[in-house]
Amino acid sequence: KDLMTVYLGGATDPEIIQYEDEAIASVLERELGEILGIQNIE
């Protein structure tokens, strides 16, 4: 297995701190799929 650490939010997107875990996971599944071509993430 490999481990990635992903950063979201910051001063340009502060609203995402309020997202539920499921919504954050959905963002990552979509964007990591688009950027890295990965379909299965944990």
PDB file of all heavy atoms in Angstrom:
ATOM      1  N   LYS A   1       0.837  -1.209   0.000  1.00  0.00           N
ATOM      2  CA  LYS A   1       0.000   0.000   0.000  1.00  0.00           C
ATOM      3  C   LYS A   1       0.868   1.253   0.000  1.00  0.00           C
ATOM      4  O   LYS A   1       1.998   1.238   0.482  1.00  0.00           O
ATOM      5  CB  LYS A   1      -0.907   0.018   1.232  1.00  0.00           C
ATOM      6  CG  LYS A   1      -1.998  -1.045   1.220  1.00  0.00           C
ATOM      7  CD  LYS A   1      -3.078  -0.732   0.184  1.00  0.00           C
ATOM      8  CE  LYS A   1      -4.225  -1.714   0.249  1.00  0.00           C
ATOM      9  NZ  LYS A   1      -5.281  -1.392  -0.731  1.00  0.00           N
ATOM     10  N   ASP A   2       0.324   2.321  -0.537  1.00  0.00           N
ATOM     11  CA  ASP A   2       0.953   3.639  -0.464  1.00  0.00           C
ATOM     12  C   ASP A   2       0.016   4.594   0.253  1.00  0.00           C
ATOM     13  O   ASP A   2      -1.212   4.450   0.169  1.00  0.00           O
ATOM     14  CB  ASP A   2       1.260   4.182  -1.863  1.00  0.00           C
ATOM     15  CG  ASP A   2       2.625   3.749  -2.359  1.00  0.00           C
ATOM     16  OD1 ASP A   2       3.532   3.578  -1.520  1.00  0.00           O
ATOM     17  OD2 ASP A   2       2.799   3.558  -3.578  1.00  0.00           O
ATOM     18  N   LEU A   3       0.599   5.567   0.946  1.00  0.00           N
ATOM     19  CA  LEU A   3      -0.177   6.553   1.688  1.00  0.00           C
ATOM     20  C   LEU A   3       0.048   7.938   1.109  1.00  0.00           C
ATOM     21  O   LEU A   3       1.192   8.364   0.922  1.00  0.00           O
ATOM     22  CB  LEU A   3       0.214   6.545   3.165  1.00  0.00           C
ATOM     23  CG  LEU A   3      -0.540   7.527   4.076  1.00  0.00           C
ATOM     24  CD1 LEU A   3      -2.004   7.120   4.204  1.00  0.00           C
ATOM     25  CD2 LEU A   3       0.111   7.611   5.453  1.00  0.00           C
ATOM     26  N   MET A   4      -1.053   8.628   0.816  1.00  0.00           N
ATOM     27  CA  MET A   4      -0.993  10.032   0.393  1.00  0.00           C
ATOM     28  C   MET A   4      -1.593  10.906   1.484  1.00  0.00           C
ATOM     29  O   MET A   4      -2.514  10.487   2.186  1.00  0.00           O
ATOM     30  CB  MET A   4      -1.824  10.255  -0.879  1.00  0.00           C
ATOM     31  CG  MET A   4      -1.314   9.621  -2.122  1.00  0.00           C
ATOM     32  SD  MET A   4      -2.325  10.140  -3.550  1.00  0.00           S
ATOM     33  CE  MET A   4      -3.816   9.212  -3.267  1.00  0.00           C
ATOM     34  N   THR A   5      -1.082  12.131   1.592  1.00  0.00           N
ATOM     35  CA  THR A   5      -1.696  13.125   2.462  1.00  0.00           C
ATOM     36  C   THR A   5      -2.198  14.257   1.578  1.00  0.00           C
ATOM     37  O   THR A   5      -1.424  14.866   0.844  1.00  0.00           O
ATOM     38  CB  THR A   5      -0.692  13.675   3.485  1.00  0.00           C
ATOM     39  OG1 THR A   5      -0.096  12.576   4.186  1.00  0.00           O
ATOM     40  CG2 THR A   5      -1.393  14.570   4.492  1.00  0.00           C
ATOM     41  N   VAL A   6      -3.512  14.499   1.648  1.00  0.00           N
ATOM     42  CA  VAL A   6      -4.160  15.464   0.773  1.00  0.00           C
ATOM     43  C   VAL A   6      -4.597  16.671   1.596  1.00  0.00           C
ATOM     44  O   VAL A   6      -5.146  16.523   2.695  1.00  0.00           O
ATOM     45  CB  VAL A   6      -5.395  14.831   0.079  1.00  0.00           C
ATOM     46  CG1 VAL A   6      -5.995  15.818  -0.925  1.00  0.00           C
ATOM     47  CG2 VAL A   6      -5.010  13.534  -0.611  1.00  0.00           C
ATOM     48  N   TYR A   7      -4.379  17.870   1.020  1.00  0.00           N
ATOM     49  CA  TYR A   7      -4.743  19.112   1.708  1.00  0.00           C
ATOM     50  C   TYR A   7      -5.854  19.831   0.945  1.00  0.00           C
ATOM     51  O   TYR A   7      -5.803  19.977  -0.277  1.00  0.00           O
ATOM     52  CB  TYR A   7      -3.532  20.032   1.828  1.00  0.00           C
ATOM     53  CG  TYR A   7      -2.473  19.472   2.738  1.00  0.00           C
ATOM     54  CD1 TYR A   7      -1.482  18.634   2.238  1.00  0.00           C
ATOM     55  CD2 TYR A   7      -2.479  19.742   4.097  1.00  0.00           C
ATOM     56  CE1 TYR A   7      -0.521  18.088   3.074  1.00  0.00           C
ATOM     57  CE2 TYR A   7      -1.522  19.213   4.939  1.00  0.00           C
ATOM     58  CZ  TYR A   7      -0.545  18.386   4.420  1.00  0.00           C
ATOM     59  OH  TYR A   7       0.391  17.845   5.259  1.00  0.00           O
ATOM     60  N   LEU A   8      -6.852  20.274   1.707  1.00  0.00           N
ATOM     61  CA  LEU A   8      -7.967  21.029   1.150  1.00  0.00           C
ATOM     62  C   LEU A   8      -8.245  22.237   2.029  1.00  0.00           C
ATOM     63  O   LEU A   8      -7.789  22.305   3.164  1.00  0.00           O
ATOM     64  CB  LEU A   8      -9.230  20.165   1.076  1.00  0.00           C
ATOM     65  CG  LEU A   8      -9.138  18.834   0.337  1.00  0.00           C
ATOM     66  CD1 LEU A   8      -9.709  17.729   1.199  1.00  0.00           C
ATOM     67  CD2 LEU A   8      -9.889  18.883  -0.972  1.00  0.00           C
ATOM     68  N   GLY A   9      -9.011  23.192   1.490  1.00  0.00           N
ATOM     69  CA  GLY A   9      -9.430  24.341   2.290  1.00  0.00           C
ATOM     70  C   GLY A   9      -8.552  25.539   2.073  1.00  0.00           C
ATOM     71  O   GLY A   9      -8.357  26.007   0.957  1.00  0.00           O
ATOM     72  N   GLY A  10      -8.000  26.046   3.168  1.00  0.00           N
ATOM     73  CA  GLY A  10      -7.172  27.233   3.102  1.00  0.00           C
ATOM     74  C   GLY A  10      -7.986  28.500   2.915  1.00  0.00           C
ATOM     75  O   GLY A  10      -9.224  28.479   2.924  1.00  0.00           O
ATOM     76  N   ALA A  11      -7.278  29.600   2.717  1.00  0.00           N
ATOM     77  CA  ALA A  11      -7.933  30.904   2.587  1.00  0.00           C
ATOM     78  C   ALA A  11      -8.747  31.025   1.310  1.00  0.00           C
ATOM     79  O   ALA A  11      -9.656  31.862   1.235  1.00  0.00           O
ATOM     80  CB  ALA A  11      -6.874  32.015   2.636  1.00  0.00           C
ATOM     81  N   THR A  12      -8.455  30.190   0.306  1.00  0.00           N
ATOM     82  CA  THR A  12      -9.191  30.284  -0.964  1.00  0.00           C
ATOM     83  C   THR A  12     -10.415  29.382  -1.014  1.00  0.00           C
ATOM     84  O   THR A  12     -11.219  29.493  -1.933  1.00  0.00           O
ATOM     85  CB  THR A  12      -8.260  29.931  -2.142  1.00  0.00           C
ATOM     86  OG1 THR A  12      -7.726  28.616  -1.932  1.00  0.00           O
ATOM     87  CG2 THR A  12      -7.126  30.934  -2.266  1.00  0.00           C
ATOM     88  N   ASP A  13     -10.562  28.478  -0.036  1.00  0.00           N
ATOM     89  CA  ASP A  13     -11.711  27.561  -0.025  1.00  0.00           C
ATOM     90  C   ASP A  13     -12.064  27.171   1.411  1.00  0.00           C
ATOM     91  O   ASP A  13     -12.082  25.992   1.769  1.00  0.00           O
ATOM     92  CB  ASP A  13     -11.373  26.314  -0.852  1.00  0.00           C
ATOM     93  CG  ASP A  13     -12.561  25.384  -1.062  1.00  0.00           C
ATOM     94  OD1 ASP A  13     -13.716  25.831  -0.844  1.00  0.00           O
ATOM     95  OD2 ASP A  13     -12.346  24.219  -1.434  1.00  0.00           O
ATOM     96  N   PRO A  14     -12.357  28.171   2.263  1.00  0.00           N
ATOM     97  CA  PRO A  14     -12.579  27.875   3.686  1.00  0.00           C
ATOM     98  C   PRO A  14     -13.849  27.073   3.960  1.00  0.00           C
ATOM     99  O   PRO A  14     -13.953  26.425   5.006  1.00  0.00           O
ATOM    100  CB  PRO A  14     -12.655  29.262   4.322  1.00  0.00           C
ATOM    101  CG  PRO A  14     -13.110  30.164   3.219  1.00  0.00           C
ATOM    102  CD  PRO A  14     -12.479  29.611   1.976  1.00  0.00           C
ATOM    103  N   GLU A  15     -14.809  27.096   3.039  1.00  0.00           N
ATOM    104  CA  GLU A  15     -16.100  26.447   3.289  1.00  0.00           C
ATOM    105  C   GLU A  15     -15.977  24.937   3.464  1.00  0.00           C
ATOM    106  O   GLU A  15     -16.784  24.323   4.175  1.00  0.00           O
ATOM    107  CB  GLU A  15     -17.077  26.734   2.136  1.00  0.00           C
ATOM    108  CG  GLU A  15     -17.425  28.201   1.952  1.00  0.00           C
ATOM    109  CD  GLU A  15     -16.383  28.946   1.136  1.00  0.00           C
ATOM    110  OE1 GLU A  15     -15.450  28.288   0.605  1.00  0.00           O
ATOM    111  OE2 GLU A  15     -16.489  30.185   1.052  1.00  0.00           O
ATOM    112  N   ILE A  16     -14.971  24.322   2.853  1.00  0.00           N
ATOM    113  CA  ILE A  16     -14.898  22.863   2.856  1.00  0.00           C
ATOM    114  C   ILE A  16     -14.641  22.297   4.254  1.00  0.00           C
ATOM    115  O   ILE A  16     -14.876  21.114   4.500  1.00  0.00           O
ATOM    116  CB  ILE A  16     -13.833  22.372   1.846  1.00  0.00           C
ATOM    117  CG1 ILE A  16     -14.145  20.929   1.415  1.00  0.00           C
ATOM    118  CG2 ILE A  16     -12.429  22.502   2.414  1.00  0.00           C
ATOM    119  CD1 ILE A  16     -13.369  20.470   0.206  1.00  0.00           C
ATOM    120  N   ILE A  17     -14.190  23.133   5.173  1.00  0.00           N
ATOM    121  CA  ILE A  17     -13.978  22.675   6.555  1.00  0.00           C
ATOM    122  C   ILE A  17     -15.283  22.211   7.182  1.00  0.00           C
ATOM    123  O   ILE A  17     -15.305  21.393   8.108  1.00  0.00           O
ATOM    124  CB  ILE A  17     -13.336  23.797   7.419  1.00  0.00           C
ATOM    125  CG1 ILE A  17     -12.788  23.239   8.739  1.00  0.00           C
ATOM    126  CG2 ILE A  17     -14.324  24.907   7.713  1.00  0.00           C
ATOM    127  CD1 ILE A  17     -11.453  22.611   8.629  1.00  0.00           C
ATOM    128  N   GLN A  18     -16.416  22.704   6.651  1.00  0.00           N
ATOM    129  CA  GLN A  18     -17.728  22.365   7.190  1.00  0.00           C
ATOM    130  C   GLN A  18     -18.306  21.085   6.570  1.00  0.00           C
ATOM    131  O   GLN A  18     -19.328  20.586   7.024  1.00  0.00           O
ATOM    132  CB  GLN A  18     -18.717  23.515   6.951  1.00  0.00           C
ATOM    133  CG  GLN A  18     -18.267  24.864   7.485  1.00  0.00           C
ATOM    134  CD  GLN A  18     -18.135  24.899   9.000  1.00  0.00           C
ATOM    135  OE1 GLN A  18     -18.753  24.096   9.695  1.00  0.00           O
ATOM    136  NE2 GLN A  18     -17.346  25.830   9.511  1.00  0.00           N
ATOM    137  N   TYR A  19     -17.678  20.550   5.540  1.00  0.00           N
ATOM    138  CA  TYR A  19     -18.216  19.382   4.844  1.00  0.00           C
ATOM    139  C   TYR A  19     -18.173  18.139   5.735  1.00  0.00           C
ATOM    140  O   TYR A  19     -17.238  17.950   6.518  1.00  0.00           O
ATOM    141  CB  TYR A  19     -17.418  19.100   3.572  1.00  0.00           C
ATOM    142  CG  TYR A  19     -17.756  19.967   2.387  1.00  0.00           C
ATOM    143  CD1 TYR A  19     -18.236  21.264   2.545  1.00  0.00           C
ATOM    144  CD2 TYR A  19     -17.583  19.500   1.092  1.00  0.00           C
ATOM    145  CE1 TYR A  19     -18.536  22.064   1.458  1.00  0.00           C
ATOM    146  CE2 TYR A  19     -17.879  20.287  -0.016  1.00  0.00           C
ATOM    147  CZ  TYR A  19     -18.358  21.570   0.182  1.00  0.00           C
ATOM    148  OH  TYR A  19     -18.655  22.354  -0.907  1.00  0.00           O
ATOM    149  N   GLU A  20     -19.166  17.291   5.577  1.00  0.00           N
ATOM    150  CA  GLU A  20     -19.167  15.994   6.243  1.00  0.00           C
ATOM    151  C   GLU A  20     -18.116  15.099   5.586  1.00  0.00           C
ATOM    152  O   GLU A  20     -17.678  15.337   4.457  1.00  0.00           O
ATOM    153  CB  GLU A  20     -20.547  15.338   6.134  1.00  0.00           C
ATOM    154  CG  GLU A  20     -21.663  16.125   6.794  1.00  0.00           C
ATOM    155  CD  GLU A  20     -21.559  16.150   8.315  1.00  0.00           C
ATOM    156  OE1 GLU A  20     -20.910  15.240   8.871  1.00  0.00           O
ATOM    157  OE2 GLU A  20     -22.100  17.077   8.940  1.00  0.00           O
ATOM    158  N   ASP A  21     -17.742  14.025   6.294  1.00  0.00           N
ATOM    159  CA  ASP A  21     -16.722  13.110   5.778  1.00  0.00           C
ATOM    160  C   ASP A  21     -17.093  12.569   4.398  1.00  0.00           C
ATOM    161  O   ASP A  21     -16.237  12.448   3.508  1.00  0.00           O
ATOM    162  CB  ASP A  21     -16.527  11.938   6.744  1.00  0.00           C
ATOM    163  CG  ASP A  21     -15.790  12.349   8.009  1.00  0.00           C
ATOM    164  OD1 ASP A  21     -15.427  13.540   8.135  1.00  0.00           O
ATOM    165  OD2 ASP A  21     -15.573  11.482   8.882  1.00  0.00           O
ATOM    166  N   GLU A  22     -18.358  12.215   4.213  1.00  0.00           N
ATOM    167  CA  GLU A  22     -18.797  11.631   2.947  1.00  0.00           C
ATOM    168  C   GLU A  22     -18.617  12.609   1.798  1.00  0.00           C
ATOM    169  O   GLU A  22     -18.217  12.214   0.685  1.00  0.00           O
ATOM    170  CB  GLU A  22     -20.268  11.197   3.032  1.00  0.00           C
ATOM    171  CG  GLU A  22     -20.546  10.067   4.012  1.00  0.00           C
ATOM    172  CD  GLU A  22     -20.552  10.517   5.470  1.00  0.00           C
ATOM    173  OE1 GLU A  22     -20.556  11.759   5.715  1.00  0.00           O
ATOM    174  OE2 GLU A  22     -20.543   9.636   6.348  1.00  0.00           O
ATOM    175  N   ALA A  23     -18.881  13.896   2.044  1.00  0.00           N
ATOM    176  CA  ALA A  23     -18.740  14.905   0.993  1.00  0.00           C
ATOM    177  C   ALA A  23     -17.271  15.115   0.643  1.00  0.00           C
ATOM    178  O   ALA A  23     -16.924  15.281  -0.535  1.00  0.00           O
ATOM    179  CB  ALA A  23     -19.380  16.216   1.443  1.00  0.00           C
ATOM    180  N   ILE A  24     -16.406  15.097   1.658  1.00  0.00           N
ATOM    181  CA  ILE A  24     -14.966  15.232   1.403  1.00  0.00           C
ATOM    182  C   ILE A  24     -14.457  14.036   0.617  1.00  0.00           C
ATOM    183  O   ILE A  24     -13.690  14.177  -0.343  1.00  0.00           O
ATOM    184  CB  ILE A  24     -14.206  15.392   2.734  1.00  0.00           C
ATOM    185  CG1 ILE A  24     -14.508  16.762   3.347  1.00  0.00           C
ATOM    186  CG2 ILE A  24     -12.697  15.222   2.518  1.00  0.00           C
ATOM    187  CD1 ILE A  24     -13.914  16.982   4.714  1.00  0.00           C
ATOM    188  N   ALA A  25     -14.906  12.841   1.003  1.00  0.00           N
ATOM    189  CA  ALA A  25     -14.500  11.628   0.290  1.00  0.00           C
ATOM    190  C   ALA A  25     -14.934  11.685  -1.170  1.00  0.00           C
ATOM    191  O   ALA A  25     -14.194  11.273  -2.071  1.00  0.00           O
ATOM    192  CB  ALA A  25     -15.087  10.392   0.972  1.00  0.00           C
ATOM    193  N   SER A  26     -16.124  12.220  -1.427  1.00  0.00           N
ATOM    194  CA  SER A  26     -16.638  12.329  -2.794  1.00  0.00           C
ATOM    195  C   SER A  26     -15.758  13.257  -3.636  1.00  0.00           C
ATOM    196  O   SER A  26     -15.456  12.971  -4.803  1.00  0.00           O
ATOM    197  CB  SER A  26     -18.082  12.840  -2.772  1.00  0.00           C
ATOM    198  OG  SER A  26     -18.585  13.001  -4.076  1.00  0.00           O
ATOM    199  N   VAL A  27     -15.344  14.390  -3.034  1.00  0.00           N
ATOM    200  CA  VAL A  27     -14.456  15.326  -3.731  1.00  0.00           C
ATOM    201  C   VAL A  27     -13.141  14.635  -4.094  1.00  0.00           C
ATOM    202  O   VAL A  27     -12.649  14.748  -5.233  1.00  0.00           O
ATOM    203  CB  VAL A  27     -14.180  16.571  -2.860  1.00  0.00           C
ATOM    204  CG1 VAL A  27     -13.061  17.414  -3.465  1.00  0.00           C
ATOM    205  CG2 VAL A  27     -15.443  17.408  -2.703  1.00  0.00           C
ATOM    206  N   LEU A  28     -12.591  13.896  -3.148  1.00  0.00           N
ATOM    207  CA  LEU A  28     -11.296  13.252  -3.383  1.00  0.00           C
ATOM    208  C   LEU A  28     -11.393  12.128  -4.405  1.00  0.00           C
ATOM    209  O   LEU A  28     -10.494  11.966  -5.247  1.00  0.00           O
ATOM    210  CB  LEU A  28     -10.721  12.721  -2.068  1.00  0.00           C
ATOM    211  CG  LEU A  28     -10.366  13.774  -1.014  1.00  0.00           C
ATOM    212  CD1 LEU A  28      -9.643  13.144   0.157  1.00  0.00           C
ATOM    213  CD2 LEU A  28      -9.513  14.870  -1.614  1.00  0.00           C
ATOM    214  N   GLU A  29     -12.445  11.338  -4.342  1.00  0.00           N
ATOM    215  CA  GLU A  29     -12.624  10.257  -5.320  1.00  0.00           C
ATOM    216  C   GLU A  29     -12.666  10.818  -6.735  1.00  0.00           C
ATOM    217  O   GLU A  29     -12.039  10.278  -7.656  1.00  0.00           O
ATOM    218  CB  GLU A  29     -13.901   9.474  -5.014  1.00  0.00           C
ATOM    219  CG  GLU A  29     -13.786   8.574  -3.790  1.00  0.00           C
ATOM    220  CD  GLU A  29     -15.124   7.991  -3.367  1.00  0.00           C
ATOM    221  OE1 GLU A  29     -16.136   8.276  -4.048  1.00  0.00           O
ATOM    222  OE2 GLU A  29     -15.158   7.256  -2.369  1.00  0.00           O
ATOM    223  N   ARG A  30     -13.382  11.921  -6.899  1.00  0.00           N
ATOM    224  CA  ARG A  30     -13.509  12.514  -8.229  1.00  0.00           C
ATOM    225  C   ARG A  30     -12.189  13.143  -8.687  1.00  0.00           C
ATOM    226  O   ARG A  30     -11.707  12.868  -9.797  1.00  0.00           O
ATOM    227  CB  ARG A  30     -14.607  13.583  -8.211  1.00  0.00           C
ATOM    228  CG  ARG A  30     -14.821  14.256  -9.566  1.00  0.00           C
ATOM    229  CD  ARG A  30     -15.939  15.280  -9.528  1.00  0.00           C
ATOM    230  NE  ARG A  30     -15.616  16.446  -8.699  1.00  0.00           N
ATOM    231  CZ  ARG A  30     -16.131  16.656  -7.490  1.00  0.00           C
ATOM    232  NH1 ARG A  30     -17.004  15.798  -6.962  1.00  0.00           N
ATOM    233  NH2 ARG A  30     -15.795  17.730  -6.802  1.00  0.00           N
ATOM    234  N   GLU A  31     -11.581  13.977  -7.841  1.00  0.00           N
ATOM    235  CA  GLU A  31     -10.409  14.728  -8.270  1.00  0.00           C
ATOM    236  C   GLU A  31      -9.149  13.868  -8.355  1.00  0.00           C
ATOM    237  O   GLU A  31      -8.338  14.041  -9.276  1.00  0.00           O
ATOM    238  CB  GLU A  31     -10.193  15.929  -7.354  1.00  0.00           C
ATOM    239  CG  GLU A  31     -11.333  16.941  -7.457  1.00  0.00           C
ATOM    240  CD  GLU A  31     -11.003  18.288  -6.844  1.00  0.00           C
ATOM    241  OE1 GLU A  31      -9.867  18.461  -6.320  1.00  0.00           O
ATOM    242  OE2 GLU A  31     -11.874  19.184  -6.888  1.00  0.00           O
ATOM    243  N   LEU A  32      -8.957  12.928  -7.430  1.00  0.00           N
ATOM    244  CA  LEU A  32      -7.798  12.044  -7.526  1.00  0.00           C
ATOM    245  C   LEU A  32      -7.934  11.118  -8.725  1.00  0.00           C
ATOM    246  O   LEU A  32      -6.930  10.744  -9.350  1.00  0.00           O
ATOM    247  CB  LEU A  32      -7.627  11.239  -6.236  1.00  0.00           C
ATOM    248  CG  LEU A  32      -7.183  12.041  -5.004  1.00  0.00           C
ATOM    249  CD1 LEU A  32      -7.169  11.163  -3.763  1.00  0.00           C
ATOM    250  CD2 LEU A  32      -5.810  12.672  -5.218  1.00  0.00           C
ATOM    251  N   GLY A  33      -9.172  10.768  -9.049  1.00  0.00           N
ATOM    252  CA  GLY A  33      -9.405   9.970 -10.250  1.00  0.00           C
ATOM    253  C   GLY A  33      -9.016  10.735 -11.495  1.00  0.00           C
ATOM    254  O   GLY A  33      -8.383  10.188 -12.413  1.00  0.00           O
ATOM    255  N   GLU A  34      -9.381  12.017 -11.533  1.00  0.00           N
ATOM    256  CA  GLU A  34      -9.062  12.849 -12.695  1.00  0.00           C
ATOM    257  C   GLU A  34      -7.572  13.145 -12.807  1.00  0.00           C
ATOM    258  O   GLU A  34      -7.010  13.162 -13.906  1.00  0.00           O
ATOM    259  CB  GLU A  34      -9.848  14.161 -12.614  1.00  0.00           C
ATOM    260  CG  GLU A  34     -11.354  13.987 -12.764  1.00  0.00           C
ATOM    261  CD  GLU A  34     -12.134  15.243 -12.399  1.00  0.00           C
ATOM    262  OE1 GLU A  34     -11.527  16.192 -11.849  1.00  0.00           O
ATOM    263  OE2 GLU A  34     -13.349  15.260 -12.652  1.00  0.00           O
ATOM    264  N   ILE A  35      -6.926  13.374 -11.670  1.00  0.00           N
ATOM    265  CA  ILE A  35      -5.513  13.776 -11.682  1.00  0.00           C
ATOM    266  C   ILE A  35      -4.577  12.582 -11.820  1.00  0.00           C
ATOM    267  O   ILE A  35      -3.622  12.612 -12.606  1.00  0.00           O
ATOM    268  CB  ILE A  35      -5.175  14.569 -10.404  1.00  0.00           C
ATOM    269  CG1 ILE A  35      -5.976  15.872 -10.362  1.00  0.00           C
ATOM    270  CG2 ILE A  35      -3.670  14.866 -10.337  1.00  0.00           C
ATOM    271  CD1 ILE A  35      -5.870  16.615  -9.046  1.00  0.00           C
ATOM    272  N   LEU A  36      -4.849  11.517 -11.062  1.00  0.00           N
ATOM    273  CA  LEU A  36      -3.935  10.381 -11.017  1.00  0.00           C
ATOM    274  C   LEU A  36      -4.454   9.141 -11.743  1.00  0.00           C
ATOM    275  O   LEU A  36      -3.731   8.161 -11.887  1.00  0.00           O
ATOM    276  CB  LEU A  36      -3.633  10.009  -9.554  1.00  0.00           C
ATOM    277  CG  LEU A  36      -2.874  11.061  -8.728  1.00  0.00           C
ATOM    278  CD1 LEU A  36      -2.866  10.669  -7.256  1.00  0.00           C
ATOM    279  CD2 LEU A  36      -1.445  11.221  -9.240  1.00  0.00           C
ATOM    280  N   GLY A  37      -5.721   9.186 -12.151  1.00  0.00           N
ATOM    281  CA  GLY A  37      -6.302   8.016 -12.811  1.00  0.00           C
ATOM    282  C   GLY A  37      -6.554   6.868 -11.865  1.00  0.00           C
ATOM    283  O   GLY A  37      -6.618   5.699 -12.268  1.00  0.00           O
ATOM    284  N   ILE A  38      -6.699   7.161 -10.579  1.00  0.00           N
ATOM    285  CA  ILE A  38      -6.937   6.122  -9.565  1.00  0.00           C
ATOM    286  C   ILE A  38      -8.438   5.957  -9.347  1.00  0.00           C
ATOM    287  O   ILE A  38      -9.157   6.935  -9.119  1.00  0.00           O
ATOM    288  CB  ILE A  38      -6.252   6.502  -8.235  1.00  0.00           C
ATOM    289  CG1 ILE A  38      -4.734   6.558  -8.421  1.00  0.00           C
ATOM    290  CG2 ILE A  38      -6.608   5.516  -7.137  1.00  0.00           C
ATOM    291  CD1 ILE A  38      -3.987   7.075  -7.211  1.00  0.00           C
ATOM    292  N   GLN A  39      -8.903   4.722  -9.387  1.00  0.00           N
ATOM    293  CA  GLN A  39     -10.335   4.457  -9.216  1.00  0.00           C
ATOM    294  C   GLN A  39     -10.697   4.057  -7.794  1.00  0.00           C
ATOM    295  O   GLN A  39     -11.775   4.373  -7.304  1.00  0.00           O
ATOM    296  CB  GLN A  39     -10.776   3.354 -10.187  1.00  0.00           C
ATOM    297  CG  GLN A  39     -10.528   3.691 -11.648  1.00  0.00           C
ATOM    298  CD  GLN A  39     -11.178   5.003 -12.074  1.00  0.00           C
ATOM    299  OE1 GLN A  39     -12.318   5.280 -11.706  1.00  0.00           O
ATOM    300  NE2 GLN A  39     -10.445   5.799 -12.839  1.00  0.00           N
ATOM    301  N   ASN A  40      -9.793   3.352  -7.129  1.00  0.00           N
ATOM    302  CA  ASN A  40     -10.093   2.839  -5.790  1.00  0.00           C
ATOM    303  C   ASN A  40      -9.187   3.501  -4.751  1.00  0.00           C
ATOM    304  O   ASN A  40      -7.962   3.317  -4.772  1.00  0.00           O
ATOM    305  CB  ASN A  40      -9.903   1.319  -5.739  1.00  0.00           C
ATOM    306  CG  ASN A  40     -10.848   0.600  -6.679  1.00  0.00           C
ATOM    307  OD1 ASN A  40     -12.051   0.861  -6.687  1.00  0.00           O
ATOM    308  ND2 ASN A  40     -10.310  -0.310  -7.490  1.00  0.00           N
ATOM    309  N   ILE A  41      -9.797   4.287  -3.866  1.00  0.00           N
ATOM    310  CA  ILE A  41      -9.045   4.898  -2.774  1.00  0.00           C
ATOM    311  C   ILE A  41      -9.703   4.530  -1.452  1.00  0.00           C
ATOM    312  O   ILE A  41     -10.891   4.223  -1.392  1.00  0.00           O
ATOM    313  CB  ILE A  41      -8.979   6.435  -2.902  1.00  0.00           C
ATOM    314  CG1 ILE A  41     -10.379   7.059  -2.747  1.00  0.00           C
ATOM    315  CG2 ILE A  41      -8.346   6.849  -4.226  1.00  0.00           C
ATOM    316  CD1 ILE A  41     -10.352   8.564  -2.643  1.00  0.00           C
ATOM    317  N   GLU A  42      -8.896   4.543  -0.409  1.00  0.00           N
ATOM    318  CA  GLU A  42      -9.394   4.279   0.945  1.00  0.00           C
ATOM    319  C   GLU A  42      -9.096   5.494   1.821  1.00  0.00           C
ATOM    320  O   GLU A  42      -7.940   5.890   1.944  1.00  0.00           O
ATOM    321  CB  GLU A  42      -8.718   3.035   1.534  1.00  0.00           C
ATOM    322  CG  GLU A  42      -9.092   2.763   2.986  1.00  0.00           C
ATOM    323  CD  GLU A  42      -8.209   1.717   3.635  1.00  0.00           C
ATOM    324  OE1 GLU A  42      -7.416   1.060   2.919  1.00  0.00           O
ATOM    325  OE2 GLU A  42      -8.287   1.569   4.875  1.00  0.00           O
TER     326      GLU A  42
END
